[in-house]
């Protein structure tokens, strides 16, 4: 079974346009306008990633291997991503980029909540430096699982 890792759309625009940045400085009306513009700008990107996840089957858990510890951590991780980030399924694979899987596309706190959920379920503490190391620089979800395995 070949499952492609999640990827951004070809013409991605995550950088906040000037008008949105300016509107955030205008109380109430500006906040509403900036939020509306941001949602409109992000929606196609979210839908693109959601479509990739929805096209996957439950068989993706098999891609994490057969080691029981790895599977346990992967299940906790995938479940936290679905529940806290708001993705439509937990069908993540080891090669999925962590920056996409943990992308805060709703309120900006989703990533923090997902990390807290993982810490709570696994009984570990993940430092800010470890989070930065595992979620950036082109790292995959497998690198996060490997880091978590060292803590358990």
C-alpha atoms as a PDB file:
ATOM      1  CA  UNK A   1       0.000   0.000   0.000  1.00  0.00           C
ATOM      2  CA  UNK A   2       1.546   3.298  -1.105  1.00  0.00           C
ATOM      3  CA  UNK A   3       0.361   6.388   0.722  1.00  0.00           C
ATOM      4  CA  UNK A   4       1.875   9.727  -0.195  1.00  0.00           C
ATOM      5  CA  UNK A   5       2.848  12.035   2.672  1.00  0.00           C
ATOM      6  CA  UNK A   6       0.727  15.122   3.226  1.00  0.00           C
ATOM      7  CA  UNK A   7       1.841  18.139   1.232  1.00  0.00           C
ATOM      8  CA  UNK A   8       0.922  21.782   0.848  1.00  0.00           C
ATOM      9  CA  UNK A   9      -0.953  22.961  -2.248  1.00  0.00           C
ATOM     10  CA  UNK A  10       1.337  24.186  -5.015  1.00  0.00           C
ATOM     11  CA  UNK A  11       0.322  27.835  -4.731  1.00  0.00           C
ATOM     12  CA  UNK A  12       0.349  28.317  -1.001  1.00  0.00           C
ATOM     13  CA  UNK A  13       0.044  31.683   0.667  1.00  0.00           C
ATOM     14  CA  UNK A  14       0.469  31.427   4.426  1.00  0.00           C
ATOM     15  CA  UNK A  15       2.036  34.858   4.857  1.00  0.00           C
ATOM     16  CA  UNK A  16      -0.454  37.365   6.223  1.00  0.00           C
ATOM     17  CA  UNK A  17      -1.222  40.141   3.720  1.00  0.00           C
ATOM     18  CA  UNK A  18      -0.718  43.748   4.810  1.00  0.00           C
ATOM     19  CA  UNK A  19      -4.457  44.537   4.949  1.00  0.00           C
ATOM     20  CA  UNK A  20      -5.022  41.723   7.459  1.00  0.00           C
ATOM     21  CA  UNK A  21      -2.117  42.872   9.619  1.00  0.00           C
ATOM     22  CA  UNK A  22      -3.446  46.442   9.619  1.00  0.00           C
ATOM     23  CA  UNK A  23      -7.001  45.368  10.460  1.00  0.00           C
ATOM     24  CA  UNK A  24      -5.798  43.532  13.592  1.00  0.00           C
ATOM     25  CA  UNK A  25      -4.910  46.946  15.079  1.00  0.00           C
ATOM     26  CA  UNK A  26      -8.485  48.265  14.730  1.00  0.00           C
ATOM     27  CA  UNK A  27     -10.547  47.115  17.718  1.00  0.00           C
ATOM     28  CA  UNK A  28     -13.635  44.964  17.140  1.00  0.00           C
ATOM     29  CA  UNK A  29     -14.517  45.886  13.535  1.00  0.00           C
ATOM     30  CA  UNK A  30     -10.937  45.394  12.353  1.00  0.00           C
ATOM     31  CA  UNK A  31     -10.631  42.107  14.238  1.00  0.00           C
ATOM     32  CA  UNK A  32     -13.806  40.801  12.619  1.00  0.00           C
ATOM     33  CA  UNK A  33     -12.633  41.886   9.171  1.00  0.00           C
ATOM     34  CA  UNK A  34      -9.133  40.450   9.610  1.00  0.00           C
ATOM     35  CA  UNK A  35     -10.512  37.161  10.888  1.00  0.00           C
ATOM     36  CA  UNK A  36     -12.924  36.931   7.966  1.00  0.00           C
ATOM     37  CA  UNK A  37     -10.146  37.584   5.447  1.00  0.00           C
ATOM     38  CA  UNK A  38      -7.864  35.058   7.133  1.00  0.00           C
ATOM     39  CA  UNK A  39     -10.545  32.363   7.133  1.00  0.00           C
ATOM     40  CA  UNK A  40     -11.262  32.989   3.453  1.00  0.00           C
ATOM     41  CA  UNK A  41      -7.529  32.804   2.640  1.00  0.00           C
ATOM     42  CA  UNK A  42      -6.907  29.636   4.696  1.00  0.00           C
ATOM     43  CA  UNK A  43     -10.037  27.668   3.777  1.00  0.00           C
ATOM     44  CA  UNK A  44      -8.743  26.290   0.424  1.00  0.00           C
ATOM     45  CA  UNK A  45      -5.507  25.172   2.086  1.00  0.00           C
ATOM     46  CA  UNK A  46      -7.370  23.436   4.920  1.00  0.00           C
ATOM     47  CA  UNK A  47      -9.695  21.736   2.437  1.00  0.00           C
ATOM     48  CA  UNK A  48      -6.711  20.559   0.366  1.00  0.00           C
ATOM     49  CA  UNK A  49      -5.091  18.897   3.390  1.00  0.00           C
ATOM     50  CA  UNK A  50      -8.413  17.514   4.655  1.00  0.00           C
ATOM     51  CA  UNK A  51      -9.025  15.897   1.244  1.00  0.00           C
ATOM     52  CA  UNK A  52      -5.658  14.143   1.469  1.00  0.00           C
ATOM     53  CA  UNK A  53      -6.510  12.766   4.918  1.00  0.00           C
ATOM     54  CA  UNK A  54     -10.022  11.721   3.928  1.00  0.00           C
ATOM     55  CA  UNK A  55      -8.642   9.755   0.962  1.00  0.00           C
ATOM     56  CA  UNK A  56      -6.662   7.538   3.340  1.00  0.00           C
ATOM     57  CA  UNK A  57      -7.950   4.352   4.974  1.00  0.00           C
ATOM     58  CA  UNK A  58      -7.577   2.930   8.464  1.00  0.00           C
ATOM     59  CA  UNK A  59      -4.739   0.779   7.130  1.00  0.00           C
ATOM     60  CA  UNK A  60      -2.353   3.704   7.645  1.00  0.00           C
ATOM     61  CA  UNK A  61      -1.730   2.545  11.240  1.00  0.00           C
ATOM     62  CA  UNK A  62       0.104  -0.469   9.781  1.00  0.00           C
ATOM     63  CA  UNK A  63       2.677   1.900   8.290  1.00  0.00           C
ATOM     64  CA  UNK A  64       3.942   2.709  11.796  1.00  0.00           C
ATOM     65  CA  UNK A  65       5.378  -0.820  12.122  1.00  0.00           C
ATOM     66  CA  UNK A  66       4.737  -3.685  14.511  1.00  0.00           C
ATOM     67  CA  UNK A  67       6.509  -2.531  17.680  1.00  0.00           C
ATOM     68  CA  UNK A  68       3.831  -2.149  20.364  1.00  0.00           C
ATOM     69  CA  UNK A  69       5.433   0.960  21.950  1.00  0.00           C
ATOM     70  CA  UNK A  70       5.715   2.698  18.589  1.00  0.00           C
ATOM     71  CA  UNK A  71       2.096   1.835  17.771  1.00  0.00           C
ATOM     72  CA  UNK A  72       0.878   3.092  21.149  1.00  0.00           C
ATOM     73  CA  UNK A  73       2.683   6.416  20.723  1.00  0.00           C
ATOM     74  CA  UNK A  74       1.547   6.730  17.101  1.00  0.00           C
ATOM     75  CA  UNK A  75      -2.088   6.127  18.083  1.00  0.00           C
ATOM     76  CA  UNK A  76      -1.911   8.774  20.819  1.00  0.00           C
ATOM     77  CA  UNK A  77      -0.233  11.218  18.424  1.00  0.00           C
ATOM     78  CA  UNK A  78      -2.694  10.626  15.581  1.00  0.00           C
ATOM     79  CA  UNK A  79      -5.685  10.837  17.911  1.00  0.00           C
ATOM     80  CA  UNK A  80      -4.431  14.127  19.407  1.00  0.00           C
ATOM     81  CA  UNK A  81      -3.980  15.580  15.931  1.00  0.00           C
ATOM     82  CA  UNK A  82      -7.548  14.666  14.985  1.00  0.00           C
ATOM     83  CA  UNK A  83      -9.126  15.825  18.240  1.00  0.00           C
ATOM     84  CA  UNK A  84      -7.102  18.936  19.035  1.00  0.00           C
ATOM     85  CA  UNK A  85      -6.059  20.252  15.625  1.00  0.00           C
ATOM     86  CA  UNK A  86      -9.434  19.399  14.127  1.00  0.00           C
ATOM     87  CA  UNK A  87      -8.392  17.206  11.202  1.00  0.00           C
ATOM     88  CA  UNK A  88     -11.199  15.003   9.811  1.00  0.00           C
ATOM     89  CA  UNK A  89      -9.389  11.725  10.537  1.00  0.00           C
ATOM     90  CA  UNK A  90      -6.431  10.306  12.388  1.00  0.00           C
ATOM     91  CA  UNK A  91      -4.978   8.617   9.289  1.00  0.00           C
ATOM     92  CA  UNK A  92      -1.478  10.022   9.582  1.00  0.00           C
ATOM     93  CA  UNK A  93       1.637   8.205   8.424  1.00  0.00           C
ATOM     94  CA  UNK A  94       5.239   8.371   9.694  1.00  0.00           C
ATOM     95  CA  UNK A  95       6.397  10.391   6.665  1.00  0.00           C
ATOM     96  CA  UNK A  96       3.807  13.156   7.092  1.00  0.00           C
ATOM     97  CA  UNK A  97       5.493  16.520   7.700  1.00  0.00           C
ATOM     98  CA  UNK A  98       5.035  17.566  11.322  1.00  0.00           C
ATOM     99  CA  UNK A  99       4.576  21.208  10.284  1.00  0.00           C
ATOM    100  CA  UNK A 100       1.445  20.279   8.308  1.00  0.00           C
ATOM    101  CA  UNK A 101       0.030  17.835  10.859  1.00  0.00           C
ATOM    102  CA  UNK A 102       0.427  20.374  13.700  1.00  0.00           C
ATOM    103  CA  UNK A 103      -0.604  23.406  11.623  1.00  0.00           C
ATOM    104  CA  UNK A 104      -2.760  25.797  13.675  1.00  0.00           C
ATOM    105  CA  UNK A 105      -5.399  26.606  11.105  1.00  0.00           C
ATOM    106  CA  UNK A 106      -8.165  27.621  13.493  1.00  0.00           C
ATOM    107  CA  UNK A 107      -7.319  29.482  16.669  1.00  0.00           C
ATOM    108  CA  UNK A 108      -3.553  29.331  17.039  1.00  0.00           C
ATOM    109  CA  UNK A 109      -3.694  27.233  20.212  1.00  0.00           C
ATOM    110  CA  UNK A 110      -4.473  23.906  18.583  1.00  0.00           C
ATOM    111  CA  UNK A 111      -0.822  22.862  18.414  1.00  0.00           C
ATOM    112  CA  UNK A 112      -0.317  23.623  22.107  1.00  0.00           C
ATOM    113  CA  UNK A 113      -3.439  21.664  23.015  1.00  0.00           C
ATOM    114  CA  UNK A 114      -2.289  18.695  20.902  1.00  0.00           C
ATOM    115  CA  UNK A 115       1.123  18.651  22.598  1.00  0.00           C
ATOM    116  CA  UNK A 116      -0.529  18.879  26.036  1.00  0.00           C
ATOM    117  CA  UNK A 117      -2.845  15.990  25.134  1.00  0.00           C
ATOM    118  CA  UNK A 118       0.120  13.863  24.022  1.00  0.00           C
ATOM    119  CA  UNK A 119       2.003  14.685  27.232  1.00  0.00           C
ATOM    120  CA  UNK A 120      -1.022  13.805  29.357  1.00  0.00           C
ATOM    121  CA  UNK A 121      -1.771  10.504  27.606  1.00  0.00           C
ATOM    122  CA  UNK A 122       1.853   9.336  27.603  1.00  0.00           C
ATOM    123  CA  UNK A 123       2.831  10.787  30.991  1.00  0.00           C
ATOM    124  CA  UNK A 124       5.808  12.711  29.620  1.00  0.00           C
ATOM    125  CA  UNK A 125       6.963  16.313  29.458  1.00  0.00           C
ATOM    126  CA  UNK A 126       8.091  17.722  26.110  1.00  0.00           C
ATOM    127  CA  UNK A 127      10.288  20.802  26.332  1.00  0.00           C
ATOM    128  CA  UNK A 128       9.830  23.791  24.045  1.00  0.00           C
ATOM    129  CA  UNK A 129      13.220  23.075  22.454  1.00  0.00           C
ATOM    130  CA  UNK A 130      12.178  19.495  21.680  1.00  0.00           C
ATOM    131  CA  UNK A 131       8.910  20.697  20.189  1.00  0.00           C
ATOM    132  CA  UNK A 132      10.705  23.208  17.972  1.00  0.00           C
ATOM    133  CA  UNK A 133      13.193  20.557  16.904  1.00  0.00           C
ATOM    134  CA  UNK A 134      10.504  17.983  16.055  1.00  0.00           C
ATOM    135  CA  UNK A 135       7.975  20.273  14.396  1.00  0.00           C
ATOM    136  CA  UNK A 136      10.255  22.350  12.216  1.00  0.00           C
ATOM    137  CA  UNK A 137      13.053  21.945   9.721  1.00  0.00           C
ATOM    138  CA  UNK A 138      11.218  19.464   7.504  1.00  0.00           C
ATOM    139  CA  UNK A 139      10.824  16.890  10.293  1.00  0.00           C
ATOM    140  CA  UNK A 140       8.236  14.138  10.042  1.00  0.00           C
ATOM    141  CA  UNK A 141       5.828  12.655  12.548  1.00  0.00           C
ATOM    142  CA  UNK A 142       8.216   9.696  12.822  1.00  0.00           C
ATOM    143  CA  UNK A 143      10.871  12.009  14.283  1.00  0.00           C
ATOM    144  CA  UNK A 144       8.392  13.084  16.976  1.00  0.00           C
ATOM    145  CA  UNK A 145       7.528   9.464  17.747  1.00  0.00           C
ATOM    146  CA  UNK A 146      11.249   8.637  17.997  1.00  0.00           C
ATOM    147  CA  UNK A 147      11.730  11.530  20.423  1.00  0.00           C
ATOM    148  CA  UNK A 148       8.750  10.376  22.512  1.00  0.00           C
ATOM    149  CA  UNK A 149      10.055   6.787  22.603  1.00  0.00           C
ATOM    150  CA  UNK A 150      13.215   8.068  24.318  1.00  0.00           C
ATOM    151  CA  UNK A 151      11.053   9.498  27.111  1.00  0.00           C
ATOM    152  CA  UNK A 152       8.966   6.417  27.833  1.00  0.00           C
END
